[in-house]
């Protein structure tokens, strides 16, 4: 979860079912998650439009490998000059 936008911080009170945003809101959020559970917390956060994710929520996607162009041999190294400064 990130609270990067000012609106995200403003939504913390609603997220943790509080009357106002606590001064130190991260411990309050942590306590709420411990009480309600991560799945319920994430669902509530999403309803409020907050960016949140749960570890293991989705599996890793298979890598996509694309060949662009034909394989060609590398050019010869003759005539190259390397200066190691």
PDB file of N, CA and C in Angstrom:
ATOM      1  N   UNK A   1       0.845  -1.164   0.000  1.00  0.00           N
ATOM      2  CA  UNK A   1       0.000   0.000   0.000  1.00  0.00           C
ATOM      3  C   UNK A   1       0.890   1.225   0.000  1.00  0.00           C
ATOM      4  N   UNK A   2       0.449   2.220  -0.737  1.00  0.00           N
ATOM      5  CA  UNK A   2       1.155   3.490  -0.737  1.00  0.00           C
ATOM      6  C   UNK A   2       0.161   4.610  -0.483  1.00  0.00           C
ATOM      7  N   UNK A   3       0.637   5.618   0.202  1.00  0.00           N
ATOM      8  CA  UNK A   3      -0.186   6.804   0.456  1.00  0.00           C
ATOM      9  C   UNK A   3       0.528   8.006  -0.150  1.00  0.00           C
ATOM     10  N   UNK A   4       0.849   7.908  -1.421  1.00  0.00           N
ATOM     11  CA  UNK A   4       1.640   8.929  -2.096  1.00  0.00           C
ATOM     12  C   UNK A   4       0.847  10.200  -2.382  1.00  0.00           C
ATOM     13  N   UNK A   5      -0.434  10.060  -2.628  1.00  0.00           N
ATOM     14  CA  UNK A   5      -1.248  11.225  -2.979  1.00  0.00           C
ATOM     15  C   UNK A   5      -1.889  11.816  -1.720  1.00  0.00           C
ATOM     16  N   UNK A   6      -2.081  13.118  -1.691  1.00  0.00           N
ATOM     17  CA  UNK A   6      -2.750  13.730  -0.526  1.00  0.00           C
ATOM     18  C   UNK A   6      -4.127  13.120  -0.262  1.00  0.00           C
ATOM     19  N   UNK A   7      -4.858  12.771  -1.312  1.00  0.00           N
ATOM     20  CA  UNK A   7      -6.177  12.153  -1.140  1.00  0.00           C
ATOM     21  C   UNK A   7      -6.079  10.786  -0.463  1.00  0.00           C
ATOM     22  N   UNK A   8      -4.955  10.087  -0.684  1.00  0.00           N
ATOM     23  CA  UNK A   8      -4.762   8.786  -0.042  1.00  0.00           C
ATOM     24  C   UNK A   8      -4.703   8.947   1.473  1.00  0.00           C
ATOM     25  N   UNK A   9      -3.942   9.926   1.921  1.00  0.00           N
ATOM     26  CA  UNK A   9      -3.820  10.181   3.362  1.00  0.00           C
ATOM     27  C   UNK A   9      -5.168  10.606   3.928  1.00  0.00           C
ATOM     28  N   UNK A  10      -5.893  11.418   3.183  1.00  0.00           N
ATOM     29  CA  UNK A  10      -7.215  11.864   3.643  1.00  0.00           C
ATOM     30  C   UNK A  10      -8.183  10.697   3.807  1.00  0.00           C
ATOM     31  N   UNK A  11      -7.974   9.618   3.076  1.00  0.00           N
ATOM     32  CA  UNK A  11      -8.875   8.462   3.130  1.00  0.00           C
ATOM     33  C   UNK A  11      -8.547   7.498   4.267  1.00  0.00           C
ATOM     34  N   UNK A  12      -7.450   7.740   4.974  1.00  0.00           N
ATOM     35  CA  UNK A  12      -7.039   6.813   6.031  1.00  0.00           C
ATOM     36  C   UNK A  12      -8.104   6.673   7.110  1.00  0.00           C
ATOM     37  N   UNK A  13      -8.730   7.771   7.512  1.00  0.00           N
ATOM     38  CA  UNK A  13      -9.760   7.700   8.561  1.00  0.00           C
ATOM     39  C   UNK A  13     -10.880   6.744   8.148  1.00  0.00           C
ATOM     40  N   UNK A  14     -11.349   6.861   6.926  1.00  0.00           N
ATOM     41  CA  UNK A  14     -12.401   5.964   6.445  1.00  0.00           C
ATOM     42  C   UNK A  14     -11.882   4.531   6.343  1.00  0.00           C
ATOM     43  N   UNK A  15     -10.645   4.395   5.931  1.00  0.00           N
ATOM     44  CA  UNK A  15     -10.049   3.070   5.778  1.00  0.00           C
ATOM     45  C   UNK A  15     -10.022   2.311   7.098  1.00  0.00           C
ATOM     46  N   UNK A  16      -9.621   2.994   8.168  1.00  0.00           N
ATOM     47  CA  UNK A  16      -9.487   2.313   9.461  1.00  0.00           C
ATOM     48  C   UNK A  16     -10.701   2.532  10.359  1.00  0.00           C
ATOM     49  N   UNK A  17     -11.763   3.068   9.769  1.00  0.00           N
ATOM     50  CA  UNK A  17     -13.019   3.286  10.488  1.00  0.00           C
ATOM     51  C   UNK A  17     -12.813   4.158  11.727  1.00  0.00           C
ATOM     52  N   UNK A  18     -12.196   5.314  11.499  1.00  0.00           N
ATOM     53  CA  UNK A  18     -11.904   6.260  12.571  1.00  0.00           C
ATOM     54  C   UNK A  18     -12.569   7.593  12.259  1.00  0.00           C
ATOM     55  N   UNK A  19     -12.756   8.405  13.273  1.00  0.00           N
ATOM     56  CA  UNK A  19     -13.363   9.725  13.082  1.00  0.00           C
ATOM     57  C   UNK A  19     -12.413  10.691  12.375  1.00  0.00           C
ATOM     58  N   UNK A  20     -11.126  10.539  12.620  1.00  0.00           N
ATOM     59  CA  UNK A  20     -10.139  11.431  12.005  1.00  0.00           C
ATOM     60  C   UNK A  20      -8.870  10.660  11.686  1.00  0.00           C
ATOM     61  N   UNK A  21      -8.046  11.260  10.827  1.00  0.00           N
ATOM     62  CA  UNK A  21      -6.777  10.637  10.456  1.00  0.00           C
ATOM     63  C   UNK A  21      -5.829  10.762  11.646  1.00  0.00           C
ATOM     64  N   UNK A  22      -5.308   9.646  12.157  1.00  0.00           N
ATOM     65  CA  UNK A  22      -4.355   9.727  13.268  1.00  0.00           C
ATOM     66  C   UNK A  22      -3.081  10.448  12.843  1.00  0.00           C
ATOM     67  N   UNK A  23      -2.439  11.100  13.787  1.00  0.00           N
ATOM     68  CA  UNK A  23      -1.175  11.790  13.479  1.00  0.00           C
ATOM     69  C   UNK A  23      -0.159  10.820  12.896  1.00  0.00           C
ATOM     70  N   UNK A  24       0.011   9.715  13.570  1.00  0.00           N
ATOM     71  CA  UNK A  24       0.923   8.670  13.109  1.00  0.00           C
ATOM     72  C   UNK A  24       0.056   7.537  12.568  1.00  0.00           C
ATOM     73  N   UNK A  25      -0.291   7.626  11.289  1.00  0.00           N
ATOM     74  CA  UNK A  25      -1.302   6.721  10.743  1.00  0.00           C
ATOM     75  C   UNK A  25      -0.793   5.326  10.412  1.00  0.00           C
ATOM     76  N   UNK A  26       0.501   5.129  10.169  1.00  0.00           N
ATOM     77  CA  UNK A  26       0.977   3.791   9.809  1.00  0.00           C
ATOM     78  C   UNK A  26       0.758   2.769  10.923  1.00  0.00           C
ATOM     79  N   UNK A  27       1.075   3.078  12.192  1.00  0.00           N
ATOM     80  CA  UNK A  27       0.761   2.106  13.246  1.00  0.00           C
ATOM     81  C   UNK A  27      -0.742   1.830  13.360  1.00  0.00           C
ATOM     82  N   UNK A  28      -1.563   2.841  13.136  1.00  0.00           N
ATOM     83  CA  UNK A  28      -3.016   2.649  13.183  1.00  0.00           C
ATOM     84  C   UNK A  28      -3.472   1.730  12.051  1.00  0.00           C
ATOM     85  N   UNK A  29      -2.880   1.898  10.880  1.00  0.00           N
ATOM     86  CA  UNK A  29      -3.204   1.023   9.744  1.00  0.00           C
ATOM     87  C   UNK A  29      -2.768  -0.406  10.053  1.00  0.00           C
ATOM     88  N   UNK A  30      -1.565  -0.551  10.596  1.00  0.00           N
ATOM     89  CA  UNK A  30      -1.063  -1.884  10.949  1.00  0.00           C
ATOM     90  C   UNK A  30      -2.000  -2.571  11.949  1.00  0.00           C
ATOM     91  N   UNK A  31      -2.430  -1.854  12.954  1.00  0.00           N
ATOM     92  CA  UNK A  31      -3.338  -2.423  13.948  1.00  0.00           C
ATOM     93  C   UNK A  31      -4.662  -2.841  13.303  1.00  0.00           C
ATOM     94  N   UNK A  32      -5.167  -2.017  12.401  1.00  0.00           N
ATOM     95  CA  UNK A  32      -6.422  -2.337  11.714  1.00  0.00           C
ATOM     96  C   UNK A  32      -6.276  -3.620  10.893  1.00  0.00           C
ATOM     97  N   UNK A  33      -5.150  -3.741  10.196  1.00  0.00           N
ATOM     98  CA  UNK A  33      -4.912  -4.943   9.379  1.00  0.00           C
ATOM     99  C   UNK A  33      -4.852  -6.180  10.272  1.00  0.00           C
ATOM    100  N   UNK A  34      -4.194  -6.064  11.412  1.00  0.00           N
ATOM    101  CA  UNK A  34      -4.103  -7.203  12.339  1.00  0.00           C
ATOM    102  C   UNK A  34      -5.484  -7.613  12.850  1.00  0.00           C
ATOM    103  N   UNK A  35      -6.352  -6.641  13.084  1.00  0.00           N
ATOM    104  CA  UNK A  35      -7.687  -6.932  13.608  1.00  0.00           C
ATOM    105  C   UNK A  35      -8.611  -7.511  12.536  1.00  0.00           C
ATOM    106  N   UNK A  36      -8.569  -6.958  11.341  1.00  0.00           N
ATOM    107  CA  UNK A  36      -9.532  -7.325  10.301  1.00  0.00           C
ATOM    108  C   UNK A  36      -9.027  -8.393   9.342  1.00  0.00           C
ATOM    109  N   UNK A  37      -7.736  -8.469   9.167  1.00  0.00           N
ATOM    110  CA  UNK A  37      -7.170  -9.399   8.189  1.00  0.00           C
ATOM    111  C   UNK A  37      -6.822  -8.673   6.901  1.00  0.00           C
ATOM    112  N   UNK A  38      -5.821  -9.192   6.224  1.00  0.00           N
ATOM    113  CA  UNK A  38      -5.281  -8.505   5.054  1.00  0.00           C
ATOM    114  C   UNK A  38      -6.257  -8.488   3.878  1.00  0.00           C
ATOM    115  N   UNK A  39      -7.022  -9.548   3.696  1.00  0.00           N
ATOM    116  CA  UNK A  39      -7.948  -9.593   2.557  1.00  0.00           C
ATOM    117  C   UNK A  39      -9.063  -8.566   2.734  1.00  0.00           C
ATOM    118  N   UNK A  40      -9.632  -8.498   3.931  1.00  0.00           N
ATOM    119  CA  UNK A  40     -10.685  -7.509   4.200  1.00  0.00           C
ATOM    120  C   UNK A  40     -10.136  -6.094   4.088  1.00  0.00           C
ATOM    121  N   UNK A  41      -8.920  -5.904   4.590  1.00  0.00           N
ATOM    122  CA  UNK A  41      -8.283  -4.591   4.517  1.00  0.00           C
ATOM    123  C   UNK A  41      -8.085  -4.168   3.067  1.00  0.00           C
ATOM    124  N   UNK A  42      -7.547  -5.069   2.249  1.00  0.00           N
ATOM    125  CA  UNK A  42      -7.295  -4.738   0.845  1.00  0.00           C
ATOM    126  C   UNK A  42      -8.600  -4.437   0.119  1.00  0.00           C
ATOM    127  N   UNK A  43      -9.637  -5.197   0.406  1.00  0.00           N
ATOM    128  CA  UNK A  43     -10.934  -4.934  -0.222  1.00  0.00           C
ATOM    129  C   UNK A  43     -11.469  -3.563   0.142  1.00  0.00           C
ATOM    130  N   UNK A  44     -11.363  -3.211   1.416  1.00  0.00           N
ATOM    131  CA  UNK A  44     -11.828  -1.894   1.867  1.00  0.00           C
ATOM    132  C   UNK A  44     -10.995  -0.780   1.226  1.00  0.00           C
ATOM    133  N   UNK A  45      -9.684  -0.974   1.171  1.00  0.00           N
ATOM    134  CA  UNK A  45      -8.806   0.030   0.563  1.00  0.00           C
ATOM    135  C   UNK A  45      -9.157   0.233  -0.910  1.00  0.00           C
ATOM    136  N   UNK A  46      -9.437  -0.845  -1.610  1.00  0.00           N
ATOM    137  CA  UNK A  46      -9.794  -0.733  -3.032  1.00  0.00           C
ATOM    138  C   UNK A  46     -11.117  -0.001  -3.218  1.00  0.00           C
ATOM    139  N   UNK A  47     -12.059  -0.236  -2.318  1.00  0.00           N
ATOM    140  CA  UNK A  47     -13.334   0.491  -2.394  1.00  0.00           C
ATOM    141  C   UNK A  47     -13.126   1.998  -2.260  1.00  0.00           C
ATOM    142  N   UNK A  48     -12.105   2.373  -1.501  1.00  0.00           N
ATOM    143  CA  UNK A  48     -11.794   3.788  -1.306  1.00  0.00           C
ATOM    144  C   UNK A  48     -10.862   4.331  -2.392  1.00  0.00           C
ATOM    145  N   UNK A  49     -10.480   3.484  -3.339  1.00  0.00           N
ATOM    146  CA  UNK A  49      -9.615   3.924  -4.433  1.00  0.00           C
ATOM    147  C   UNK A  49      -8.154   4.029  -4.051  1.00  0.00           C
ATOM    148  N   UNK A  50      -7.763   3.325  -2.994  1.00  0.00           N
ATOM    149  CA  UNK A  50      -6.368   3.366  -2.558  1.00  0.00           C
ATOM    150  C   UNK A  50      -5.553   2.295  -3.274  1.00  0.00           C
ATOM    151  N   UNK A  51      -4.306   2.608  -3.628  1.00  0.00           N
ATOM    152  CA  UNK A  51      -3.453   1.622  -4.283  1.00  0.00           C
ATOM    153  C   UNK A  51      -2.941   0.607  -3.264  1.00  0.00           C
ATOM    154  N   UNK A  52      -3.390  -0.624  -3.380  1.00  0.00           N
ATOM    155  CA  UNK A  52      -3.021  -1.658  -2.413  1.00  0.00           C
ATOM    156  C   UNK A  52      -2.896  -2.991  -3.133  1.00  0.00           C
ATOM    157  N   UNK A  53      -2.019  -3.829  -2.645  1.00  0.00           N
ATOM    158  CA  UNK A  53      -1.863  -5.168  -3.185  1.00  0.00           C
ATOM    159  C   UNK A  53      -1.565  -6.134  -2.056  1.00  0.00           C
ATOM    160  N   UNK A  54      -1.823  -7.397  -2.294  1.00  0.00           N
ATOM    161  CA  UNK A  54      -1.593  -8.438  -1.302  1.00  0.00           C
ATOM    162  C   UNK A  54      -0.600  -9.426  -1.890  1.00  0.00           C
ATOM    163  N   UNK A  55       0.443  -9.766  -1.125  1.00  0.00           N
ATOM    164  CA  UNK A  55       1.430 -10.729  -1.603  1.00  0.00           C
ATOM    165  C   UNK A  55       0.764 -12.056  -1.919  1.00  0.00           C
ATOM    166  N   UNK A  56       1.124 -12.628  -3.035  1.00  0.00           N
ATOM    167  CA  UNK A  56       0.566 -13.905  -3.440  1.00  0.00           C
ATOM    168  C   UNK A  56      -0.819 -13.804  -4.048  1.00  0.00           C
ATOM    169  N   UNK A  57      -1.289 -12.592  -4.240  1.00  0.00           N
ATOM    170  CA  UNK A  57      -2.631 -12.382  -4.776  1.00  0.00           C
ATOM    171  C   UNK A  57      -2.745 -12.874  -6.220  1.00  0.00           C
ATOM    172  N   UNK A  58      -1.700 -12.678  -6.968  1.00  0.00           N
ATOM    173  CA  UNK A  58      -1.676 -13.150  -8.350  1.00  0.00           C
ATOM    174  C   UNK A  58      -0.370 -13.896  -8.580  1.00  0.00           C
ATOM    175  N   UNK A  59      -0.418 -14.858  -9.437  1.00  0.00           N
ATOM    176  CA  UNK A  59       0.784 -15.604  -9.767  1.00  0.00           C
ATOM    177  C   UNK A  59       1.651 -14.827 -10.755  1.00  0.00           C
ATOM    178  N   UNK A  60       2.882 -15.211 -10.815  1.00  0.00           N
ATOM    179  CA  UNK A  60       3.793 -14.556 -11.750  1.00  0.00           C
ATOM    180  C   UNK A  60       3.410 -14.922 -13.179  1.00  0.00           C
ATOM    181  N   UNK A  61       3.457 -13.950 -14.042  1.00  0.00           N
ATOM    182  CA  UNK A  61       3.150 -14.189 -15.451  1.00  0.00           C
ATOM    183  C   UNK A  61       4.343 -14.850 -16.127  1.00  0.00           C
ATOM    184  N   UNK A  62       4.060 -15.648 -17.115  1.00  0.00           N
ATOM    185  CA  UNK A  62       5.130 -16.271 -17.888  1.00  0.00           C
ATOM    186  C   UNK A  62       5.862 -15.186 -18.675  1.00  0.00           C
ATOM    187  N   UNK A  63       7.177 -15.291 -18.766  1.00  0.00           N
ATOM    188  CA  UNK A  63       7.908 -14.271 -19.514  1.00  0.00           C
ATOM    189  C   UNK A  63       7.553 -14.313 -20.999  1.00  0.00           C
ATOM    190  N   UNK A  64       7.555 -13.157 -21.608  1.00  0.00           N
ATOM    191  CA  UNK A  64       7.284 -13.052 -23.038  1.00  0.00           C
ATOM    192  C   UNK A  64       8.614 -12.764 -23.730  1.00  0.00           C
ATOM    193  N   UNK A  65       9.013 -13.665 -24.607  1.00  0.00           N
ATOM    194  CA  UNK A  65      10.267 -13.511 -25.338  1.00  0.00           C
ATOM    195  C   UNK A  65       9.931 -13.342 -26.804  1.00  0.00           C
ATOM    196  N   UNK A  66      10.406 -12.257 -27.371  1.00  0.00           N
ATOM    197  CA  UNK A  66      10.149 -11.990 -28.791  1.00  0.00           C
ATOM    198  C   UNK A  66      11.476 -11.855 -29.526  1.00  0.00           C
ATOM    199  N   UNK A  67      11.549 -12.482 -30.659  1.00  0.00           N
ATOM    200  CA  UNK A  67      12.732 -12.325 -31.498  1.00  0.00           C
ATOM    201  C   UNK A  67      12.435 -11.204 -32.477  1.00  0.00           C
ATOM    202  N   UNK A  68      13.284 -10.196 -32.454  1.00  0.00           N
ATOM    203  CA  UNK A  68      13.103  -9.060 -33.351  1.00  0.00           C
ATOM    204  C   UNK A  68      14.240  -9.088 -34.365  1.00  0.00           C
ATOM    205  N   UNK A  69      13.912  -9.333 -35.586  1.00  0.00           N
ATOM    206  CA  UNK A  69      14.917  -9.384 -36.635  1.00  0.00           C
ATOM    207  C   UNK A  69      15.600 -10.743 -36.689  1.00  0.00           C
ATOM    208  N   UNK A  70      16.402 -10.920 -37.698  1.00  0.00           N
ATOM    209  CA  UNK A  70      17.121 -12.177 -37.887  1.00  0.00           C
ATOM    210  C   UNK A  70      18.442 -12.122 -37.133  1.00  0.00           C
ATOM    211  N   UNK A  71      18.915 -13.290 -36.722  1.00  0.00           N
ATOM    212  CA  UNK A  71      20.216 -13.348 -36.055  1.00  0.00           C
ATOM    213  C   UNK A  71      21.313 -13.181 -37.103  1.00  0.00           C
ATOM    214  N   UNK A  72      22.269 -12.350 -36.770  1.00  0.00           N
ATOM    215  CA  UNK A  72      23.412 -12.148 -37.660  1.00  0.00           C
ATOM    216  C   UNK A  72      24.676 -12.295 -36.832  1.00  0.00           C
ATOM    217  N   UNK A  73      25.762 -12.728 -37.454  1.00  0.00           N
ATOM    218  CA  UNK A  73      27.012 -12.848 -36.702  1.00  0.00           C
ATOM    219  C   UNK A  73      27.522 -11.456 -36.318  1.00  0.00           C
ATOM    220  N   UNK A  74      28.240 -11.356 -35.205  1.00  0.00           N
ATOM    221  CA  UNK A  74      28.761 -10.051 -34.801  1.00  0.00           C
ATOM    222  C   UNK A  74      29.795  -9.549 -35.807  1.00  0.00           C
ATOM    223  N   UNK A  75      29.951  -8.244 -35.917  1.00  0.00           N
ATOM    224  CA  UNK A  75      30.943  -7.715 -36.858  1.00  0.00           C
ATOM    225  C   UNK A  75      32.354  -8.040 -36.374  1.00  0.00           C
ATOM    226  N   UNK A  76      33.320  -8.068 -37.294  1.00  0.00           N
ATOM    227  CA  UNK A  76      34.702  -8.372 -36.896  1.00  0.00           C
ATOM    228  C   UNK A  76      35.262  -7.256 -36.001  1.00  0.00           C
ATOM    229  N   UNK A  77      36.177  -7.630 -35.116  1.00  0.00           N
ATOM    230  CA  UNK A  77      36.775  -6.675 -34.186  1.00  0.00           C
ATOM    231  C   UNK A  77      38.045  -6.032 -34.744  1.00  0.00           C
ATOM    232  N   UNK A  78      38.436  -6.391 -35.952  1.00  0.00           N
ATOM    233  CA  UNK A  78      39.645  -5.814 -36.537  1.00  0.00           C
ATOM    234  C   UNK A  78      39.439  -4.326 -36.784  1.00  0.00           C
ATOM    235  N   UNK A  79      40.464  -3.557 -36.521  1.00  0.00           N
ATOM    236  CA  UNK A  79      40.393  -2.123 -36.764  1.00  0.00           C
ATOM    237  C   UNK A  79      39.819  -1.333 -35.597  1.00  0.00           C
ATOM    238  N   UNK A  80      39.401  -2.010 -34.528  1.00  0.00           N
ATOM    239  CA  UNK A  80      38.869  -1.290 -33.371  1.00  0.00           C
ATOM    240  C   UNK A  80      40.008  -0.824 -32.482  1.00  0.00           C
ATOM    241  N   UNK A  81      39.840   0.318 -31.850  1.00  0.00           N
ATOM    242  CA  UNK A  81      40.840   0.865 -30.948  1.00  0.00           C
ATOM    243  C   UNK A  81      40.172   1.104 -29.598  1.00  0.00           C
ATOM    244  N   UNK A  82      40.759   0.572 -28.542  1.00  0.00           N
ATOM    245  CA  UNK A  82      40.216   0.741 -27.198  1.00  0.00           C
ATOM    246  C   UNK A  82      41.234   1.482 -26.360  1.00  0.00           C
ATOM    247  N   UNK A  83      40.798   2.564 -25.728  1.00  0.00           N
ATOM    248  CA  UNK A  83      41.674   3.326 -24.832  1.00  0.00           C
ATOM    249  C   UNK A  83      41.160   3.136 -23.413  1.00  0.00           C
ATOM    250  N   UNK A  84      41.966   2.516 -22.560  1.00  0.00           N
ATOM    251  CA  UNK A  84      41.587   2.302 -21.166  1.00  0.00           C
ATOM    252  C   UNK A  84      42.174   3.437 -20.349  1.00  0.00           C
ATOM    253  N   UNK A  85      41.336   4.393 -20.013  1.00  0.00           N
ATOM    254  CA  UNK A  85      41.816   5.557 -19.278  1.00  0.00           C
ATOM    255  C   UNK A  85      41.670   5.308 -17.814  1.00  0.00           C
TER     256      UNK A  85
END
